[in-house]
Amino acid sequence: MNFSPITADLFIGTTPSSEDYNHLRGLGVRLVINMRIEYRPRKDPHPTPLNLLWLPTFDSPLLPIPIKSLHRGARAALETIQTGGKVFAHCAGGVHRGVTMGACILIAQGHDPQAAMHLVKEKRPQADPFAFYIRPRILKFAKEWKKYSAG
């Protein structure tokens, strides 16, 4: 499994196997957010399974990541973090979709959007939050989240 710790409570990476869940559990992860449309989450056979949130999205400039999905993931992540858990966001390569979700979680935690994107890029060099079709989704999420959290 390929992953990067972004903050003390957020990891971003590639698709974990069922066996990887034990490693994530050992790190304190309680929520795994899967952003892949083409790949359902693997079941966690552990007696106390991790929470698995599947937000199926495409990695395509023609089909932007739905803001509604980003909100859903950010809310679930905040709930997990506020109760002492950690979050693992992933996609196929840990470059676009999982990175978008990770940046949005940081924004929901109060980070400035640009700072969130830079932090993700710094901690996960292969991440590309500045891709021409990813960056606008992150910025739109930030604008919407500001309205959402103010209301």
C-alpha atoms as a PDB file:
ATOM      1  CA  MET A   1       0.000   0.000   0.000  1.00  0.00           C
ATOM      2  CA  ASN A   2       1.272   3.428  -0.931  1.00  0.00           C
ATOM      3  CA  PHE A   3       0.198   6.243   1.380  1.00  0.00           C
ATOM      4  CA  SER A   4       1.397   9.496   2.881  1.00  0.00           C
ATOM      5  CA  PRO A   5       0.658  11.026   6.274  1.00  0.00           C
ATOM      6  CA  ILE A   6      -0.584  14.565   5.614  1.00  0.00           C
ATOM      7  CA  THR A   7      -1.419  15.557   9.202  1.00  0.00           C
ATOM      8  CA  ALA A   8      -1.655  13.637  12.467  1.00  0.00           C
ATOM      9  CA  ASP A   9      -5.197  12.570  11.538  1.00  0.00           C
ATOM     10  CA  LEU A  10      -5.203  12.405   7.718  1.00  0.00           C
ATOM     11  CA  PHE A  11      -3.564   9.982   5.291  1.00  0.00           C
ATOM     12  CA  ILE A  12      -3.847   9.935   1.489  1.00  0.00           C
ATOM     13  CA  GLY A  13      -2.867   7.064  -0.748  1.00  0.00           C
ATOM     14  CA  THR A  14      -3.728   4.248  -3.102  1.00  0.00           C
ATOM     15  CA  THR A  15      -6.374   1.544  -2.774  1.00  0.00           C
ATOM     16  CA  PRO A  16      -5.821  -0.605   0.307  1.00  0.00           C
ATOM     17  CA  SER A  17      -6.278  -4.370   0.297  1.00  0.00           C
ATOM     18  CA  SER A  18      -8.263  -6.136   3.022  1.00  0.00           C
ATOM     19  CA  GLU A  19      -4.928  -7.021   4.641  1.00  0.00           C
ATOM     20  CA  ASP A  20      -3.919  -3.337   4.625  1.00  0.00           C
ATOM     21  CA  TYR A  21      -6.898  -2.501   6.837  1.00  0.00           C
ATOM     22  CA  ASN A  22      -5.072  -3.963   9.858  1.00  0.00           C
ATOM     23  CA  HIS A  23      -2.116  -1.667   9.200  1.00  0.00           C
ATOM     24  CA  LEU A  24      -4.445   1.332   8.878  1.00  0.00           C
ATOM     25  CA  ARG A  25      -6.259   0.289  12.055  1.00  0.00           C
ATOM     26  CA  GLY A  26      -2.878   0.173  13.821  1.00  0.00           C
ATOM     27  CA  LEU A  27      -2.276   3.778  12.761  1.00  0.00           C
ATOM     28  CA  GLY A  28      -5.572   4.806  14.354  1.00  0.00           C
ATOM     29  CA  VAL A  29      -7.545   5.055  11.126  1.00  0.00           C
ATOM     30  CA  ARG A  30     -11.274   4.557  11.671  1.00  0.00           C
ATOM     31  CA  LEU A  31     -12.622   5.857   8.359  1.00  0.00           C
ATOM     32  CA  VAL A  32     -11.515   4.893   4.844  1.00  0.00           C
ATOM     33  CA  ILE A  33     -12.904   7.097   2.064  1.00  0.00           C
ATOM     34  CA  ASN A  34     -12.819   5.427  -1.350  1.00  0.00           C
ATOM     35  CA  MET A  35     -13.144   7.890  -4.266  1.00  0.00           C
ATOM     36  CA  ARG A  36     -12.965   5.229  -7.018  1.00  0.00           C
ATOM     37  CA  ILE A  37     -16.033   4.649  -9.173  1.00  0.00           C
ATOM     38  CA  GLU A  38     -14.453   1.595 -10.745  1.00  0.00           C
ATOM     39  CA  TYR A  39     -13.601  -0.214  -7.525  1.00  0.00           C
ATOM     40  CA  ARG A  40     -15.832  -0.904  -4.538  1.00  0.00           C
ATOM     41  CA  PRO A  41     -14.217  -0.957  -1.091  1.00  0.00           C
ATOM     42  CA  ARG A  42     -12.967  -4.363  -0.046  1.00  0.00           C
ATOM     43  CA  LYS A  43     -14.756  -5.769   2.989  1.00  0.00           C
ATOM     44  CA  ASP A  44     -12.996  -5.515   6.322  1.00  0.00           C
ATOM     45  CA  PRO A  45     -13.202  -8.969   7.962  1.00  0.00           C
ATOM     46  CA  HIS A  46     -12.035  -7.668  11.365  1.00  0.00           C
ATOM     47  CA  PRO A  47     -14.448  -8.079  14.337  1.00  0.00           C
ATOM     48  CA  THR A  48     -14.561  -4.276  14.629  1.00  0.00           C
ATOM     49  CA  PRO A  49     -14.409  -3.236  10.970  1.00  0.00           C
ATOM     50  CA  LEU A  50     -13.274   0.165   9.790  1.00  0.00           C
ATOM     51  CA  ASN A  51     -15.956   2.518   8.535  1.00  0.00           C
ATOM     52  CA  LEU A  52     -15.825   2.424   4.740  1.00  0.00           C
ATOM     53  CA  LEU A  53     -17.326   5.335   2.815  1.00  0.00           C
ATOM     54  CA  TRP A  54     -17.598   4.835  -0.925  1.00  0.00           C
ATOM     55  CA  LEU A  55     -17.927   8.063  -2.899  1.00  0.00           C
ATOM     56  CA  PRO A  56     -17.677   6.812  -6.497  1.00  0.00           C
ATOM     57  CA  THR A  57     -16.196   9.520  -8.722  1.00  0.00           C
ATOM     58  CA  PHE A  58     -14.396   9.735 -12.036  1.00  0.00           C
ATOM     59  CA  ASP A  59     -10.918  11.107 -12.617  1.00  0.00           C
ATOM     60  CA  SER A  60     -11.802  13.117 -15.694  1.00  0.00           C
ATOM     61  CA  PRO A  61     -11.920  16.767 -16.721  1.00  0.00           C
ATOM     62  CA  LEU A  62     -15.245  15.989 -18.437  1.00  0.00           C
ATOM     63  CA  LEU A  63     -16.904  14.640 -15.282  1.00  0.00           C
ATOM     64  CA  PRO A  64     -15.900  16.809 -12.309  1.00  0.00           C
ATOM     65  CA  ILE A  65     -15.958  15.399  -8.798  1.00  0.00           C
ATOM     66  CA  PRO A  66     -19.380  16.255  -7.338  1.00  0.00           C
ATOM     67  CA  ILE A  67     -19.221  18.886  -4.609  1.00  0.00           C
ATOM     68  CA  LYS A  68     -21.968  16.935  -2.806  1.00  0.00           C
ATOM     69  CA  SER A  69     -19.602  13.938  -2.540  1.00  0.00           C
ATOM     70  CA  LEU A  70     -16.806  16.138  -1.217  1.00  0.00           C
ATOM     71  CA  HIS A  71     -19.180  17.559   1.422  1.00  0.00           C
ATOM     72  CA  ARG A  72     -20.294  14.081   2.425  1.00  0.00           C
ATOM     73  CA  GLY A  73     -16.704  12.903   2.809  1.00  0.00           C
ATOM     74  CA  ALA A  74     -15.600  16.016   4.692  1.00  0.00           C
ATOM     75  CA  ARG A  75     -18.515  15.728   7.142  1.00  0.00           C
ATOM     76  CA  ALA A  76     -17.771  12.035   7.786  1.00  0.00           C
ATOM     77  CA  ALA A  77     -14.073  12.826   8.231  1.00  0.00           C
ATOM     78  CA  LEU A  78     -14.752  15.632  10.701  1.00  0.00           C
ATOM     79  CA  GLU A  79     -17.031  13.368  12.759  1.00  0.00           C
ATOM     80  CA  THR A  80     -14.329  10.681  12.823  1.00  0.00           C
ATOM     81  CA  ILE A  81     -11.534  13.101  13.729  1.00  0.00           C
ATOM     82  CA  GLN A  82     -13.606  14.838  16.413  1.00  0.00           C
ATOM     83  CA  THR A  83     -14.101  11.470  18.140  1.00  0.00           C
ATOM     84  CA  GLY A  84     -10.373  10.673  18.097  1.00  0.00           C
ATOM     85  CA  GLY A  85     -10.153   8.678  14.875  1.00  0.00           C
ATOM     86  CA  LYS A  86      -8.010   9.176  11.801  1.00  0.00           C
ATOM     87  CA  VAL A  87      -8.992   9.187   8.131  1.00  0.00           C
ATOM     88  CA  PHE A  88      -7.514   7.546   5.044  1.00  0.00           C
ATOM     89  CA  ALA A  89      -8.678   9.006   1.692  1.00  0.00           C
ATOM     90  CA  HIS A  90      -7.750   7.121  -1.452  1.00  0.00           C
ATOM     91  CA  CYS A  91      -8.207   6.661  -5.159  1.00  0.00           C
ATOM     92  CA  ALA A  92      -6.331   4.512  -7.670  1.00  0.00           C
ATOM     93  CA  GLY A  93      -3.010   6.361  -7.653  1.00  0.00           C
ATOM     94  CA  GLY A  94      -3.356   8.781  -4.749  1.00  0.00           C
ATOM     95  CA  VAL A  95      -2.831  11.660  -7.174  1.00  0.00           C
ATOM     96  CA  HIS A  96      -6.186  13.327  -7.946  1.00  0.00           C
ATOM     97  CA  ARG A  97      -9.452  12.084  -6.412  1.00  0.00           C
ATOM     98  CA  GLY A  98      -8.088  11.040  -3.006  1.00  0.00           C
ATOM     99  CA  VAL A  99      -5.985  14.189  -2.988  1.00  0.00           C
ATOM    100  CA  THR A 100      -9.068  16.305  -3.700  1.00  0.00           C
ATOM    101  CA  MET A 101     -10.899  14.670  -0.807  1.00  0.00           C
ATOM    102  CA  GLY A 102      -7.883  15.129   1.459  1.00  0.00           C
ATOM    103  CA  ALA A 103      -7.567  18.821   0.608  1.00  0.00           C
ATOM    104  CA  CYS A 104     -11.295  19.289   1.240  1.00  0.00           C
ATOM    105  CA  ILE A 105     -10.984  17.614   4.649  1.00  0.00           C
ATOM    106  CA  LEU A 106      -8.197  20.054   5.519  1.00  0.00           C
ATOM    107  CA  ILE A 107     -10.369  22.974   4.380  1.00  0.00           C
ATOM    108  CA  ALA A 108     -13.267  21.667   6.497  1.00  0.00           C
ATOM    109  CA  GLN A 109     -10.823  21.644   9.435  1.00  0.00           C
ATOM    110  CA  GLY A 110     -10.125  25.349   8.849  1.00  0.00           C
ATOM    111  CA  HIS A 111      -7.146  25.394   6.474  1.00  0.00           C
ATOM    112  CA  ASP A 112      -6.977  28.020   3.769  1.00  0.00           C
ATOM    113  CA  PRO A 113      -7.602  26.313   0.382  1.00  0.00           C
ATOM    114  CA  GLN A 114      -4.204  27.261  -1.064  1.00  0.00           C
ATOM    115  CA  ALA A 115      -2.440  26.200   2.129  1.00  0.00           C
ATOM    116  CA  ALA A 116      -4.323  22.885   2.086  1.00  0.00           C
ATOM    117  CA  MET A 117      -3.265  22.166  -1.496  1.00  0.00           C
ATOM    118  CA  HIS A 118       0.351  23.106  -0.775  1.00  0.00           C
ATOM    119  CA  LEU A 119       0.428  20.935   2.367  1.00  0.00           C
ATOM    120  CA  VAL A 120      -0.907  17.916   0.478  1.00  0.00           C
ATOM    121  CA  LYS A 121       1.658  18.456  -2.307  1.00  0.00           C
ATOM    122  CA  GLU A 122       4.472  18.874   0.223  1.00  0.00           C
ATOM    123  CA  LYS A 123       3.578  15.712   2.159  1.00  0.00           C
ATOM    124  CA  ARG A 124       2.689  13.623  -0.918  1.00  0.00           C
ATOM    125  CA  PRO A 125       4.960  14.756  -3.795  1.00  0.00           C
ATOM    126  CA  GLN A 126       3.110  12.698  -6.434  1.00  0.00           C
ATOM    127  CA  ALA A 127      -0.161  14.459  -5.539  1.00  0.00           C
ATOM    128  CA  ASP A 128      -1.444  16.944  -8.092  1.00  0.00           C
ATOM    129  CA  PRO A 129      -4.022  19.178  -6.400  1.00  0.00           C
ATOM    130  CA  PHE A 130      -3.135  21.927  -8.886  1.00  0.00           C
ATOM    131  CA  ALA A 131      -4.243  19.948 -11.965  1.00  0.00           C
ATOM    132  CA  PHE A 132      -6.415  22.158 -14.174  1.00  0.00           C
ATOM    133  CA  TYR A 133      -9.569  20.169 -13.412  1.00  0.00           C
ATOM    134  CA  ILE A 134      -8.836  19.357  -9.740  1.00  0.00           C
ATOM    135  CA  ARG A 135      -7.909  22.775  -8.344  1.00  0.00           C
ATOM    136  CA  PRO A 136     -11.252  24.370  -9.349  1.00  0.00           C
ATOM    137  CA  ARG A 137     -13.167  21.600  -7.522  1.00  0.00           C
ATOM    138  CA  ILE A 138     -11.150  22.201  -4.350  1.00  0.00           C
ATOM    139  CA  LEU A 139     -11.726  25.960  -4.581  1.00  0.00           C
ATOM    140  CA  LYS A 140     -15.437  25.490  -5.274  1.00  0.00           C
ATOM    141  CA  PHE A 141     -15.690  23.151  -2.298  1.00  0.00           C
ATOM    142  CA  ALA A 142     -14.005  25.794  -0.113  1.00  0.00           C
ATOM    143  CA  LYS A 143     -16.494  28.442  -1.213  1.00  0.00           C
ATOM    144  CA  GLU A 144     -19.477  26.121  -0.669  1.00  0.00           C
ATOM    145  CA  TRP A 145     -18.121  24.838   2.660  1.00  0.00           C
ATOM    146  CA  LYS A 146     -17.752  28.383   3.945  1.00  0.00           C
ATOM    147  CA  LYS A 147     -21.451  28.981   3.210  1.00  0.00           C
ATOM    148  CA  TYR A 148     -22.421  25.573   4.608  1.00  0.00           C
ATOM    149  CA  SER A 149     -20.500  25.959   7.863  1.00  0.00           C
ATOM    150  CA  ALA A 150     -21.642  29.557   8.368  1.00  0.00           C
ATOM    151  CA  GLY A 151     -25.300  28.532   8.047  1.00  0.00           C
END
